[in-house]
Amino acid sequence: MDTNLRAVVIGASSLLGKELIDELNASQSAWELRLADTGEGTGQLVAGGEEALLVHPLSPDIFDGRDVAFFAADPETVHAHWREAQTAGAAIVDLAASLEDQPRAIVTSAWIANGPKPASDTAIVIPAHPAALMLGVLASRLSAAFSRVHLAATVLEPASQQGSRGMDEMHQQTVSLLGFHSLPQEVYDAQVAFNLRVSVGEAATVDMGQIAATIRRHLNLIAGDTTAASVAFQLVQAPVFHGYTMSVYAELPADAEPSAVRRALSGDLLHLTTPTEAPNNQSVTQEPGISIALTEDAATPGNTRGYWLWMAADNLKLAARHAVACAEQFAAVRATRTSR
């Protein structure tokens, strides 16, 4: 696709917004960008391809003449301004997943064939949660190769899923623990530095149950009920800044050689590593796609139906890259409708 598309990125100074700008600049499509944010995010200069772009204050006229409005801001900002984008005629891509309950909104994946896709009357596209995307792609690949499979996953949540506030608090907790000081707990209401947790305190602004529910809901929508029903997972808050990692046990319906599993998991979005190059949350930073390790002795002893997999992806880059793919798919549908 080599089209001139005009977009505005709301939340341009956020971690996800900056990653999104990088992906738009790297896209094969020619994106003309306008950047906007609220509060201290305005007035900053952000790299925009070969030039620096100014982050403008968020106002209704920021959406004028834009084909696509990307919302990479907090849910409060999305709810306050998405109708302005709709009134201006922009296609809305909601990376915050705040608008699922709005009419003509769909949760979608440009990388899973069987899920819902934008139609001529779609108003809002919500790219699926990155963890749901990782599980959905894995389950869909294995199901296509081996029919019915069952997956059990431990999903390790990074602090950067909560943006700068999550990153800052984990950093502050780390420094405080090393200095024997009291811990800041505004975001997590619990010690997350040097710790693994399935809950993060009643007063936390992070709701692990709600995050898990979003992952489950998005997985059902993009992979279909049958495939999604074969996936069980537990969400764990990990003491890491970036990167989703997952330990996955895959049980196939019949015995399968490791070479057959490797073929099913090779190519396109998935990158299969060698045993000595198993991915981790640091090695996948700024890497496109999803890395998976499967060793030759991964089969459960005495049971070549069961395989252990280790998955990793840069959560911000994966979300941004996926959002661009969903937006280009959405824009193509709207262009077809306009040309009729």
C-alpha atoms as a PDB file:
ATOM      1  CA  MET A   1       0.000   0.000   0.000  1.00  0.00           C
ATOM      2  CA  ASP A   2       1.535   3.304  -1.107  1.00  0.00           C
ATOM      3  CA  THR A   3      -1.058   5.946  -0.329  1.00  0.00           C
ATOM      4  CA  ASN A   4      -0.947   9.452   1.036  1.00  0.00           C
ATOM      5  CA  LEU A   5      -2.800   9.310   4.358  1.00  0.00           C
ATOM      6  CA  ARG A   6      -3.270  12.189   6.750  1.00  0.00           C
ATOM      7  CA  ALA A   7      -3.301  11.326  10.433  1.00  0.00           C
ATOM      8  CA  VAL A   8      -3.289  12.947  13.843  1.00  0.00           C
ATOM      9  CA  VAL A   9      -1.707  11.167  16.816  1.00  0.00           C
ATOM     10  CA  ILE A  10      -3.336  12.041  20.142  1.00  0.00           C
ATOM     11  CA  GLY A  11      -1.006  11.269  23.032  1.00  0.00           C
ATOM     12  CA  ALA A  12       2.056  11.894  20.879  1.00  0.00           C
ATOM     13  CA  SER A  13       4.372  12.342  23.873  1.00  0.00           C
ATOM     14  CA  SER A  14       3.342   9.087  25.578  1.00  0.00           C
ATOM     15  CA  LEU A  15       5.498   5.965  25.382  1.00  0.00           C
ATOM     16  CA  LEU A  16       3.012   4.309  23.032  1.00  0.00           C
ATOM     17  CA  GLY A  17       2.500   7.516  21.056  1.00  0.00           C
ATOM     18  CA  LYS A  18       6.217   7.882  20.344  1.00  0.00           C
ATOM     19  CA  GLU A  19       6.427   4.255  19.250  1.00  0.00           C
ATOM     20  CA  LEU A  20       3.395   4.754  17.030  1.00  0.00           C
ATOM     21  CA  ILE A  21       5.006   7.781  15.342  1.00  0.00           C
ATOM     22  CA  ASP A  22       8.113   5.699  14.606  1.00  0.00           C
ATOM     23  CA  GLU A  23       5.999   2.944  13.045  1.00  0.00           C
ATOM     24  CA  LEU A  24       3.998   5.400  10.934  1.00  0.00           C
ATOM     25  CA  ASN A  25       7.228   6.918   9.632  1.00  0.00           C
ATOM     26  CA  ALA A  26       8.562   3.438   8.801  1.00  0.00           C
ATOM     27  CA  SER A  27       5.365   2.323   7.063  1.00  0.00           C
ATOM     28  CA  GLN A  28       5.232   1.715   3.310  1.00  0.00           C
ATOM     29  CA  SER A  29       2.305   4.117   3.220  1.00  0.00           C
ATOM     30  CA  ALA A  30       3.061   7.826   3.087  1.00  0.00           C
ATOM     31  CA  TRP A  31       1.604   9.234   6.303  1.00  0.00           C
ATOM     32  CA  GLU A  32       1.326  12.992   6.761  1.00  0.00           C
ATOM     33  CA  LEU A  33       1.366  13.428  10.534  1.00  0.00           C
ATOM     34  CA  ARG A  34      -0.037  15.977  12.938  1.00  0.00           C
ATOM     35  CA  LEU A  35       0.751  15.509  16.631  1.00  0.00           C
ATOM     36  CA  ALA A  36      -1.262  16.556  19.681  1.00  0.00           C
ATOM     37  CA  ASP A  37      -1.315  16.019  23.426  1.00  0.00           C
ATOM     38  CA  THR A  38      -2.476  17.549  26.689  1.00  0.00           C
ATOM     39  CA  GLY A  39      -0.663  19.137  29.635  1.00  0.00           C
ATOM     40  CA  GLU A  40       3.125  18.952  29.715  1.00  0.00           C
ATOM     41  CA  GLY A  41       3.163  16.862  26.531  1.00  0.00           C
ATOM     42  CA  THR A  42       2.454  19.954  24.391  1.00  0.00           C
ATOM     43  CA  GLY A  43       5.258  22.012  22.912  1.00  0.00           C
ATOM     44  CA  GLN A  44       7.664  19.088  22.647  1.00  0.00           C
ATOM     45  CA  LEU A  45       9.522  18.239  19.466  1.00  0.00           C
ATOM     46  CA  VAL A  46       9.176  14.621  18.342  1.00  0.00           C
ATOM     47  CA  ALA A  47      11.108  12.963  15.525  1.00  0.00           C
ATOM     48  CA  GLY A  48       8.882  12.633  12.475  1.00  0.00           C
ATOM     49  CA  GLY A  49      10.895  10.917   9.773  1.00  0.00           C
ATOM     50  CA  GLU A  50      13.467  13.381   8.398  1.00  0.00           C
ATOM     51  CA  GLU A  51      12.165  16.299  10.446  1.00  0.00           C
ATOM     52  CA  ALA A  52      11.055  17.132  13.976  1.00  0.00           C
ATOM     53  CA  LEU A  53       7.328  17.651  14.540  1.00  0.00           C
ATOM     54  CA  LEU A  54       5.810  19.919  17.163  1.00  0.00           C
ATOM     55  CA  VAL A  55       3.286  18.444  19.586  1.00  0.00           C
ATOM     56  CA  HIS A  56       0.289  20.814  19.483  1.00  0.00           C
ATOM     57  CA  PRO A  57      -2.299  21.420  22.207  1.00  0.00           C
ATOM     58  CA  LEU A  58      -5.353  19.204  21.833  1.00  0.00           C
ATOM     59  CA  SER A  59      -8.275  21.167  20.388  1.00  0.00           C
ATOM     60  CA  PRO A  60     -11.248  20.296  18.134  1.00  0.00           C
ATOM     61  CA  ASP A  61      -9.621  21.756  14.998  1.00  0.00           C
ATOM     62  CA  ILE A  62      -6.647  19.384  15.342  1.00  0.00           C
ATOM     63  CA  PHE A  63      -8.824  16.733  13.623  1.00  0.00           C
ATOM     64  CA  ASP A  64      -9.730  18.879  10.597  1.00  0.00           C
ATOM     65  CA  GLY A  65      -8.668  17.318   7.297  1.00  0.00           C
ATOM     66  CA  ARG A  66      -7.407  14.099   8.893  1.00  0.00           C
ATOM     67  CA  ASP A  67      -8.179  10.666   7.440  1.00  0.00           C
ATOM     68  CA  VAL A  68      -7.276   8.825  10.661  1.00  0.00           C
ATOM     69  CA  ALA A  69      -7.174   9.842  14.319  1.00  0.00           C
ATOM     70  CA  PHE A  70      -4.936   7.619  16.424  1.00  0.00           C
ATOM     71  CA  PHE A  71      -5.686   7.776  20.148  1.00  0.00           C
ATOM     72  CA  ALA A  72      -2.602   6.666  22.116  1.00  0.00           C
ATOM     73  CA  ALA A  73      -3.550   8.667  25.208  1.00  0.00           C
ATOM     74  CA  ASP A  74      -5.127   7.764  28.550  1.00  0.00           C
ATOM     75  CA  PRO A  75      -8.818   6.713  28.590  1.00  0.00           C
ATOM     76  CA  GLU A  76      -9.915  10.058  30.053  1.00  0.00           C
ATOM     77  CA  THR A  77      -8.446  11.952  27.092  1.00  0.00           C
ATOM     78  CA  VAL A  78      -9.959   9.499  24.625  1.00  0.00           C
ATOM     79  CA  HIS A  79     -13.445   9.885  26.088  1.00  0.00           C
ATOM     80  CA  ALA A  80     -13.107  13.672  26.173  1.00  0.00           C
ATOM     81  CA  HIS A  81     -12.147  14.082  22.505  1.00  0.00           C
ATOM     82  CA  TRP A  82     -13.144  11.123  20.333  1.00  0.00           C
ATOM     83  CA  ARG A  83     -16.452  12.699  19.286  1.00  0.00           C
ATOM     84  CA  GLU A  84     -14.528  15.711  17.945  1.00  0.00           C
ATOM     85  CA  ALA A  85     -12.604  13.334  15.684  1.00  0.00           C
ATOM     86  CA  GLN A  86     -15.831  11.666  14.585  1.00  0.00           C
ATOM     87  CA  THR A  87     -17.472  15.016  13.819  1.00  0.00           C
ATOM     88  CA  ALA A  88     -14.445  15.962  11.681  1.00  0.00           C
ATOM     89  CA  GLY A  89     -14.902  12.762   9.668  1.00  0.00           C
ATOM     90  CA  ALA A  90     -11.739  10.993  10.779  1.00  0.00           C
ATOM     91  CA  ALA A  91     -11.519   7.226  11.124  1.00  0.00           C
ATOM     92  CA  ILE A  92     -10.793   6.498  14.799  1.00  0.00           C
ATOM     93  CA  VAL A  93      -8.134   4.001  15.890  1.00  0.00           C
ATOM     94  CA  ASP A  94      -8.322   3.590  19.658  1.00  0.00           C
ATOM     95  CA  LEU A  95      -5.134   2.076  21.093  1.00  0.00           C
ATOM     96  CA  ALA A  96      -6.452   2.624  24.638  1.00  0.00           C
ATOM     97  CA  ALA A  97      -9.398   0.259  24.029  1.00  0.00           C
ATOM     98  CA  SER A  98     -11.678   2.781  25.733  1.00  0.00           C
ATOM     99  CA  LEU A  99     -14.458   2.867  23.147  1.00  0.00           C
ATOM    100  CA  GLU A 100     -15.504  -0.770  22.866  1.00  0.00           C
ATOM    101  CA  ASP A 101     -19.041   0.011  24.009  1.00  0.00           C
ATOM    102  CA  GLN A 102     -19.603   2.691  21.364  1.00  0.00           C
ATOM    103  CA  PRO A 103     -21.816   2.036  18.314  1.00  0.00           C
ATOM    104  CA  ARG A 104     -20.002   0.818  15.187  1.00  0.00           C
ATOM    105  CA  ALA A 105     -16.800   0.016  17.108  1.00  0.00           C
ATOM    106  CA  ILE A 106     -14.957  -3.258  16.544  1.00  0.00           C
ATOM    107  CA  VAL A 107     -12.000  -5.016  18.147  1.00  0.00           C
ATOM    108  CA  THR A 108      -9.877  -6.377  15.328  1.00  0.00           C
ATOM    109  CA  SER A 109      -6.545  -7.800  14.241  1.00  0.00           C
ATOM    110  CA  ALA A 110      -5.037  -7.211  10.836  1.00  0.00           C
ATOM    111  CA  TRP A 111      -2.881 -10.311  11.353  1.00  0.00           C
ATOM    112  CA  ILE A 112      -5.484 -12.982  12.154  1.00  0.00           C
ATOM    113  CA  ALA A 113      -7.585 -13.897   9.149  1.00  0.00           C
ATOM    114  CA  ASN A 114     -10.738 -15.208  10.837  1.00  0.00           C
ATOM    115  CA  GLY A 115     -11.463 -12.268  13.139  1.00  0.00           C
ATOM    116  CA  PRO A 116     -13.793  -9.303  12.499  1.00  0.00           C
ATOM    117  CA  LYS A 117     -12.633  -6.744   9.939  1.00  0.00           C
ATOM    118  CA  PRO A 118     -13.686  -3.114   9.329  1.00  0.00           C
ATOM    119  CA  ALA A 119     -16.803  -2.667   7.215  1.00  0.00           C
ATOM    120  CA  SER A 120     -18.115   0.330   5.317  1.00  0.00           C
ATOM    121  CA  ASP A 121     -20.124   1.480   8.346  1.00  0.00           C
ATOM    122  CA  THR A 122     -17.359   0.958  10.952  1.00  0.00           C
ATOM    123  CA  ALA A 123     -16.586   4.144  12.902  1.00  0.00           C
ATOM    124  CA  ILE A 124     -14.008   2.975  15.439  1.00  0.00           C
ATOM    125  CA  VAL A 125     -11.291   0.335  15.189  1.00  0.00           C
ATOM    126  CA  ILE A 126      -9.709  -1.022  18.370  1.00  0.00           C
ATOM    127  CA  PRO A 127      -6.524  -3.023  17.706  1.00  0.00           C
ATOM    128  CA  ALA A 128      -6.535  -6.074  19.962  1.00  0.00           C
ATOM    129  CA  HIS A 129      -4.525  -6.025  23.194  1.00  0.00           C
ATOM    130  CA  PRO A 130      -0.911  -7.099  22.475  1.00  0.00           C
ATOM    131  CA  ALA A 131      -1.084 -10.084  24.853  1.00  0.00           C
ATOM    132  CA  ALA A 132      -4.318 -11.243  23.210  1.00  0.00           C
ATOM    133  CA  LEU A 133      -2.636 -10.791  19.847  1.00  0.00           C
ATOM    134  CA  MET A 134       0.343 -12.958  20.871  1.00  0.00           C
ATOM    135  CA  LEU A 135      -1.894 -15.738  22.199  1.00  0.00           C
ATOM    136  CA  GLY A 136      -4.288 -15.451  19.272  1.00  0.00           C
ATOM    137  CA  VAL A 137      -1.584 -15.715  16.623  1.00  0.00           C
ATOM    138  CA  LEU A 138       0.005 -18.706  18.393  1.00  0.00           C
ATOM    139  CA  ALA A 139      -3.303 -20.532  18.885  1.00  0.00           C
ATOM    140  CA  SER A 140      -4.421 -19.849  15.311  1.00  0.00           C
ATOM    141  CA  ARG A 141      -1.142 -21.113  13.814  1.00  0.00           C
ATOM    142  CA  LEU A 142      -1.139 -24.315  15.853  1.00  0.00           C
ATOM    143  CA  SER A 143      -4.846 -24.937  15.245  1.00  0.00           C
ATOM    144  CA  ALA A 144      -4.383 -24.530  11.501  1.00  0.00           C
ATOM    145  CA  ALA A 145      -1.543 -27.075  11.499  1.00  0.00           C
ATOM    146  CA  PHE A 146      -2.783 -29.604  14.065  1.00  0.00           C
ATOM    147  CA  SER A 147      -6.536 -29.045  14.363  1.00  0.00           C
ATOM    148  CA  ARG A 148      -7.682 -28.693  17.971  1.00  0.00           C
ATOM    149  CA  VAL A 149      -4.947 -27.703  20.451  1.00  0.00           C
ATOM    150  CA  HIS A 150      -4.942 -26.668  24.111  1.00  0.00           C
ATOM    151  CA  LEU A 151      -2.693 -23.911  25.460  1.00  0.00           C
ATOM    152  CA  ALA A 152      -1.919 -23.033  29.078  1.00  0.00           C
ATOM    153  CA  ALA A 153       0.041 -19.797  29.465  1.00  0.00           C
ATOM    154  CA  THR A 154       1.604 -17.684  32.182  1.00  0.00           C
ATOM    155  CA  VAL A 155       1.577 -14.099  30.898  1.00  0.00           C
ATOM    156  CA  LEU A 156       4.129 -11.738  32.474  1.00  0.00           C
ATOM    157  CA  GLU A 157       2.940  -8.120  32.472  1.00  0.00           C
ATOM    158  CA  PRO A 158       5.542  -5.314  32.073  1.00  0.00           C
ATOM    159  CA  ALA A 159       5.334  -1.915  33.764  1.00  0.00           C
ATOM    160  CA  SER A 160       5.317  -0.054  30.445  1.00  0.00           C
ATOM    161  CA  GLN A 161       1.781  -1.312  29.787  1.00  0.00           C
ATOM    162  CA  GLN A 162       0.826   1.407  32.288  1.00  0.00           C
ATOM    163  CA  GLY A 163       2.787   4.035  30.385  1.00  0.00           C
ATOM    164  CA  SER A 164       5.271   6.399  31.989  1.00  0.00           C
ATOM    165  CA  ARG A 165       3.508   6.294  35.354  1.00  0.00           C
ATOM    166  CA  GLY A 166       4.025   2.537  35.665  1.00  0.00           C
ATOM    167  CA  MET A 167       7.643   2.795  34.548  1.00  0.00           C
ATOM    168  CA  ASP A 168       8.348   5.665  36.945  1.00  0.00           C
ATOM    169  CA  GLU A 169       6.843   3.923  39.951  1.00  0.00           C
ATOM    170  CA  MET A 170       8.721   0.681  39.343  1.00  0.00           C
ATOM    171  CA  HIS A 171      11.950   2.692  38.987  1.00  0.00           C
ATOM    172  CA  GLN A 172      11.220   4.636  42.182  1.00  0.00           C
ATOM    173  CA  GLN A 173      10.417   1.427  44.057  1.00  0.00           C
ATOM    174  CA  THR A 174      13.688  -0.117  42.913  1.00  0.00           C
ATOM    175  CA  VAL A 175      15.709   2.873  44.089  1.00  0.00           C
ATOM    176  CA  SER A 176      13.771   3.054  47.376  1.00  0.00           C
ATOM    177  CA  LEU A 177      14.306  -0.620  48.172  1.00  0.00           C
ATOM    178  CA  LEU A 178      18.041  -0.364  47.543  1.00  0.00           C
ATOM    179  CA  GLY A 179      18.167   2.697  49.796  1.00  0.00           C
ATOM    180  CA  PHE A 180      15.907   1.155  52.484  1.00  0.00           C
ATOM    181  CA  HIS A 181      13.255   3.865  52.013  1.00  0.00           C
ATOM    182  CA  SER A 182       9.452   3.589  51.975  1.00  0.00           C
ATOM    183  CA  LEU A 183       7.911   2.586  48.642  1.00  0.00           C
ATOM    184  CA  PRO A 184       5.772   4.785  46.394  1.00  0.00           C
ATOM    185  CA  GLN A 185       2.529   2.897  45.768  1.00  0.00           C
ATOM    186  CA  GLU A 186       0.240   5.268  43.859  1.00  0.00           C
ATOM    187  CA  VAL A 187      -0.053   3.070  40.783  1.00  0.00           C
ATOM    188  CA  TYR A 188       0.369  -0.454  42.155  1.00  0.00           C
ATOM    189  CA  ASP A 189      -0.397  -0.212  45.911  1.00  0.00           C
ATOM    190  CA  ALA A 190       2.100  -3.052  46.398  1.00  0.00           C
ATOM    191  CA  GLN A 191       5.765  -3.865  45.936  1.00  0.00           C
ATOM    192  CA  VAL A 192       6.294  -4.760  42.281  1.00  0.00           C
ATOM    193  CA  ALA A 193      10.052  -4.134  42.096  1.00  0.00           C
ATOM    194  CA  PHE A 194      12.024  -7.384  42.616  1.00  0.00           C
ATOM    195  CA  ASN A 195       8.679  -9.166  42.944  1.00  0.00           C
ATOM    196  CA  LEU A 196       6.089 -11.255  41.068  1.00  0.00           C
ATOM    197  CA  ARG A 197       2.421 -10.700  41.839  1.00  0.00           C
ATOM    198  CA  VAL A 198      -1.004 -11.852  40.636  1.00  0.00           C
ATOM    199  CA  SER A 199      -2.625  -8.855  42.369  1.00  0.00           C
ATOM    200  CA  VAL A 200      -1.302  -5.386  43.151  1.00  0.00           C
ATOM    201  CA  GLY A 201      -3.376  -4.056  46.065  1.00  0.00           C
ATOM    202  CA  GLU A 202      -6.943  -2.862  46.510  1.00  0.00           C
ATOM    203  CA  ALA A 203      -6.053   0.852  46.194  1.00  0.00           C
ATOM    204  CA  ALA A 204      -4.033   0.364  42.981  1.00  0.00           C
ATOM    205  CA  THR A 205      -5.019   2.231  39.842  1.00  0.00           C
ATOM    206  CA  VAL A 206      -4.041  -0.972  38.002  1.00  0.00           C
ATOM    207  CA  ASP A 207      -6.705  -3.687  38.018  1.00  0.00           C
ATOM    208  CA  MET A 208      -5.097  -7.022  37.131  1.00  0.00           C
ATOM    209  CA  GLY A 209      -8.500  -8.685  36.887  1.00  0.00           C
ATOM    210  CA  GLN A 210      -9.694  -6.074  34.421  1.00  0.00           C
ATOM    211  CA  ILE A 211      -6.535  -6.414  32.316  1.00  0.00           C
ATOM    212  CA  ALA A 212      -6.968 -10.194  32.213  1.00  0.00           C
ATOM    213  CA  ALA A 213     -10.626  -9.759  31.256  1.00  0.00           C
ATOM    214  CA  THR A 214      -9.646  -7.428  28.395  1.00  0.00           C
ATOM    215  CA  ILE A 215      -7.078  -9.942  27.130  1.00  0.00           C
ATOM    216  CA  ARG A 216      -9.684 -12.727  27.282  1.00  0.00           C
ATOM    217  CA  ARG A 217     -12.380 -10.645  25.587  1.00  0.00           C
ATOM    218  CA  HIS A 218     -10.079  -9.513  22.791  1.00  0.00           C
ATOM    219  CA  LEU A 219      -8.778 -13.050  22.291  1.00  0.00           C
ATOM    220  CA  ASN A 220     -12.351 -14.313  21.869  1.00  0.00           C
ATOM    221  CA  LEU A 221     -13.104 -11.590  19.339  1.00  0.00           C
ATOM    222  CA  ILE A 222     -10.027 -11.923  17.113  1.00  0.00           C
ATOM    223  CA  ALA A 223      -9.458 -15.687  17.254  1.00  0.00           C
ATOM    224  CA  GLY A 224     -13.044 -16.907  17.489  1.00  0.00           C
ATOM    225  CA  ASP A 225     -14.769 -18.702  20.343  1.00  0.00           C
ATOM    226  CA  THR A 226     -13.517 -22.184  19.458  1.00  0.00           C
ATOM    227  CA  THR A 227      -9.838 -21.238  19.235  1.00  0.00           C
ATOM    228  CA  ALA A 228     -10.033 -18.896  22.218  1.00  0.00           C
ATOM    229  CA  ALA A 229     -11.695 -21.566  24.356  1.00  0.00           C
ATOM    230  CA  SER A 230      -8.582 -23.725  23.898  1.00  0.00           C
ATOM    231  CA  VAL A 231      -6.425 -21.088  25.660  1.00  0.00           C
ATOM    232  CA  ALA A 232      -6.103 -20.806  29.444  1.00  0.00           C
ATOM    233  CA  PHE A 233      -3.832 -18.186  30.956  1.00  0.00           C
ATOM    234  CA  GLN A 234      -2.832 -16.485  34.187  1.00  0.00           C
ATOM    235  CA  LEU A 235      -1.665 -12.867  34.293  1.00  0.00           C
ATOM    236  CA  VAL A 236       1.307 -12.047  36.530  1.00  0.00           C
ATOM    237  CA  GLN A 237       2.771  -8.580  37.186  1.00  0.00           C
ATOM    238  CA  ALA A 238       6.492  -8.930  36.506  1.00  0.00           C
ATOM    239  CA  PRO A 239       9.311  -6.689  37.816  1.00  0.00           C
ATOM    240  CA  VAL A 240      10.354  -5.638  34.302  1.00  0.00           C
ATOM    241  CA  PHE A 241       9.992  -2.354  32.467  1.00  0.00           C
ATOM    242  CA  HIS A 242       9.405  -3.526  28.890  1.00  0.00           C
ATOM    243  CA  GLY A 243       8.297  -6.590  26.971  1.00  0.00           C
ATOM    244  CA  TYR A 244       5.628  -9.250  27.262  1.00  0.00           C
ATOM    245  CA  THR A 245       7.016 -12.710  28.001  1.00  0.00           C
ATOM    246  CA  MET A 246       4.940 -15.884  28.213  1.00  0.00           C
ATOM    247  CA  SER A 247       5.554 -19.462  29.207  1.00  0.00           C
ATOM    248  CA  VAL A 248       3.137 -21.614  27.182  1.00  0.00           C
ATOM    249  CA  TYR A 249       2.373 -25.321  27.362  1.00  0.00           C
ATOM    250  CA  ALA A 250       0.831 -26.507  24.089  1.00  0.00           C
ATOM    251  CA  GLU A 251      -0.945 -29.858  23.975  1.00  0.00           C
ATOM    252  CA  LEU A 252      -1.613 -31.134  20.459  1.00  0.00           C
ATOM    253  CA  PRO A 253      -4.390 -33.588  19.505  1.00  0.00           C
ATOM    254  CA  ALA A 254      -1.860 -36.204  18.342  1.00  0.00           C
ATOM    255  CA  ASP A 255       1.863 -36.927  18.508  1.00  0.00           C
ATOM    256  CA  ALA A 256       3.951 -34.496  16.470  1.00  0.00           C
ATOM    257  CA  GLU A 257       7.651 -34.197  15.734  1.00  0.00           C
ATOM    258  CA  PRO A 258       9.418 -30.996  16.831  1.00  0.00           C
ATOM    259  CA  SER A 259      10.143 -30.253  13.161  1.00  0.00           C
ATOM    260  CA  ALA A 260       6.391 -30.142  12.430  1.00  0.00           C
ATOM    261  CA  VAL A 261       5.806 -27.738  15.314  1.00  0.00           C
ATOM    262  CA  ARG A 262       8.665 -25.577  14.052  1.00  0.00           C
ATOM    263  CA  ARG A 263       7.145 -25.402  10.571  1.00  0.00           C
ATOM    264  CA  ALA A 264       3.819 -24.302  12.020  1.00  0.00           C
ATOM    265  CA  LEU A 265       5.492 -21.509  13.999  1.00  0.00           C
ATOM    266  CA  SER A 266       7.870 -20.176  11.355  1.00  0.00           C
ATOM    267  CA  GLY A 267       7.514 -17.149   9.125  1.00  0.00           C
ATOM    268  CA  ASP A 268       5.637 -13.860   8.850  1.00  0.00           C
ATOM    269  CA  LEU A 269       4.975 -12.324  12.256  1.00  0.00           C
ATOM    270  CA  LEU A 270       6.562 -15.187  14.218  1.00  0.00           C
ATOM    271  CA  HIS A 271      10.319 -15.597  14.620  1.00  0.00           C
ATOM    272  CA  LEU A 272      11.448 -19.009  15.850  1.00  0.00           C
ATOM    273  CA  THR A 273      14.775 -18.874  17.658  1.00  0.00           C
ATOM    274  CA  THR A 274      17.403 -21.496  18.287  1.00  0.00           C
ATOM    275  CA  PRO A 275      17.620 -23.010  21.792  1.00  0.00           C
ATOM    276  CA  THR A 276      20.720 -20.964  22.629  1.00  0.00           C
ATOM    277  CA  GLU A 277      19.046 -17.731  21.453  1.00  0.00           C
ATOM    278  CA  ALA A 278      15.815 -17.946  23.441  1.00  0.00           C
ATOM    279  CA  PRO A 279      14.246 -14.468  23.589  1.00  0.00           C
ATOM    280  CA  ASN A 280      13.841 -12.364  26.699  1.00  0.00           C
ATOM    281  CA  ASN A 281      12.179  -9.054  27.440  1.00  0.00           C
ATOM    282  CA  GLN A 282      15.411  -7.159  26.720  1.00  0.00           C
ATOM    283  CA  SER A 283      16.431  -8.989  23.550  1.00  0.00           C
ATOM    284  CA  VAL A 284      13.100  -8.230  21.851  1.00  0.00           C
ATOM    285  CA  THR A 285      13.268  -4.477  22.498  1.00  0.00           C
ATOM    286  CA  GLN A 286      12.587  -2.706  19.195  1.00  0.00           C
ATOM    287  CA  GLU A 287      12.292  -6.068  17.433  1.00  0.00           C
ATOM    288  CA  PRO A 288       9.289  -6.500  15.133  1.00  0.00           C
ATOM    289  CA  GLY A 289       6.959  -9.407  15.640  1.00  0.00           C
ATOM    290  CA  ILE A 290       6.895 -12.208  18.188  1.00  0.00           C
ATOM    291  CA  SER A 291       9.873 -14.399  19.096  1.00  0.00           C
ATOM    292  CA  ILE A 292       9.340 -18.021  20.168  1.00  0.00           C
ATOM    293  CA  ALA A 293      11.775 -20.590  21.536  1.00  0.00           C
ATOM    294  CA  LEU A 294      11.113 -24.315  21.186  1.00  0.00           C
ATOM    295  CA  THR A 295      13.918 -26.755  21.909  1.00  0.00           C
ATOM    296  CA  GLU A 296      14.264 -30.221  20.418  1.00  0.00           C
ATOM    297  CA  ASP A 297      13.638 -31.773  23.832  1.00  0.00           C
ATOM    298  CA  ALA A 298      10.600 -29.544  24.472  1.00  0.00           C
ATOM    299  CA  ALA A 299       8.188 -32.440  24.244  1.00  0.00           C
ATOM    300  CA  THR A 300       6.976 -33.710  27.583  1.00  0.00           C
ATOM    301  CA  PRO A 301       8.851 -36.968  28.383  1.00  0.00           C
ATOM    302  CA  GLY A 302       6.785 -39.883  27.147  1.00  0.00           C
ATOM    303  CA  ASN A 303       4.257 -37.557  25.549  1.00  0.00           C
ATOM    304  CA  THR A 304       5.105 -36.006  22.181  1.00  0.00           C
ATOM    305  CA  ARG A 305       1.724 -34.289  22.138  1.00  0.00           C
ATOM    306  CA  GLY A 306       2.905 -31.707  24.672  1.00  0.00           C
ATOM    307  CA  TYR A 307       5.402 -28.918  24.005  1.00  0.00           C
ATOM    308  CA  TRP A 308       6.748 -26.072  26.111  1.00  0.00           C
ATOM    309  CA  LEU A 309       7.149 -22.732  24.329  1.00  0.00           C
ATOM    310  CA  TRP A 310       8.668 -19.443  25.488  1.00  0.00           C
ATOM    311  CA  MET A 311       7.364 -16.272  23.806  1.00  0.00           C
ATOM    312  CA  ALA A 312       8.510 -12.645  23.964  1.00  0.00           C
ATOM    313  CA  ALA A 313       7.621  -9.405  22.220  1.00  0.00           C
ATOM    314  CA  ASP A 314       8.198  -5.690  22.660  1.00  0.00           C
ATOM    315  CA  ASN A 315       4.714  -4.775  23.908  1.00  0.00           C
ATOM    316  CA  LEU A 316       4.824  -1.137  22.762  1.00  0.00           C
ATOM    317  CA  LYS A 317       6.354  -1.799  19.335  1.00  0.00           C
ATOM    318  CA  LEU A 318       4.000  -4.720  18.706  1.00  0.00           C
ATOM    319  CA  ALA A 319       0.964  -2.619  19.683  1.00  0.00           C
ATOM    320  CA  ALA A 320       2.091   0.318  17.530  1.00  0.00           C
ATOM    321  CA  ARG A 321       2.954  -1.805  14.501  1.00  0.00           C
ATOM    322  CA  HIS A 322      -0.360  -3.637  14.777  1.00  0.00           C
ATOM    323  CA  ALA A 323      -2.279  -0.360  15.101  1.00  0.00           C
ATOM    324  CA  VAL A 324      -0.721   0.927  11.871  1.00  0.00           C
ATOM    325  CA  ALA A 325      -1.674  -2.290  10.055  1.00  0.00           C
ATOM    326  CA  CYS A 326      -5.251  -2.039  11.371  1.00  0.00           C
ATOM    327  CA  ALA A 327      -5.430   1.649  10.387  1.00  0.00           C
ATOM    328  CA  GLU A 328      -4.246   0.962   6.837  1.00  0.00           C
ATOM    329  CA  GLN A 329      -6.847  -1.797   6.518  1.00  0.00           C
ATOM    330  CA  PHE A 330      -9.501   0.565   7.908  1.00  0.00           C
ATOM    331  CA  ALA A 331      -8.463   3.423   5.606  1.00  0.00           C
ATOM    332  CA  ALA A 332      -8.641   1.147   2.555  1.00  0.00           C
ATOM    333  CA  VAL A 333     -12.237   0.182   3.413  1.00  0.00           C
ATOM    334  CA  ARG A 334     -13.239   3.832   3.877  1.00  0.00           C
ATOM    335  CA  ALA A 335     -11.550   4.800   0.601  1.00  0.00           C
ATOM    336  CA  THR A 336     -13.550   2.128  -1.225  1.00  0.00           C
ATOM    337  CA  ARG A 337     -16.769   3.435   0.319  1.00  0.00           C
ATOM    338  CA  THR A 338     -15.921   7.043  -0.670  1.00  0.00           C
ATOM    339  CA  SER A 339     -15.090   6.118  -4.265  1.00  0.00           C
ATOM    340  CA  ARG A 340     -18.469   4.510  -4.891  1.00  0.00           C
END
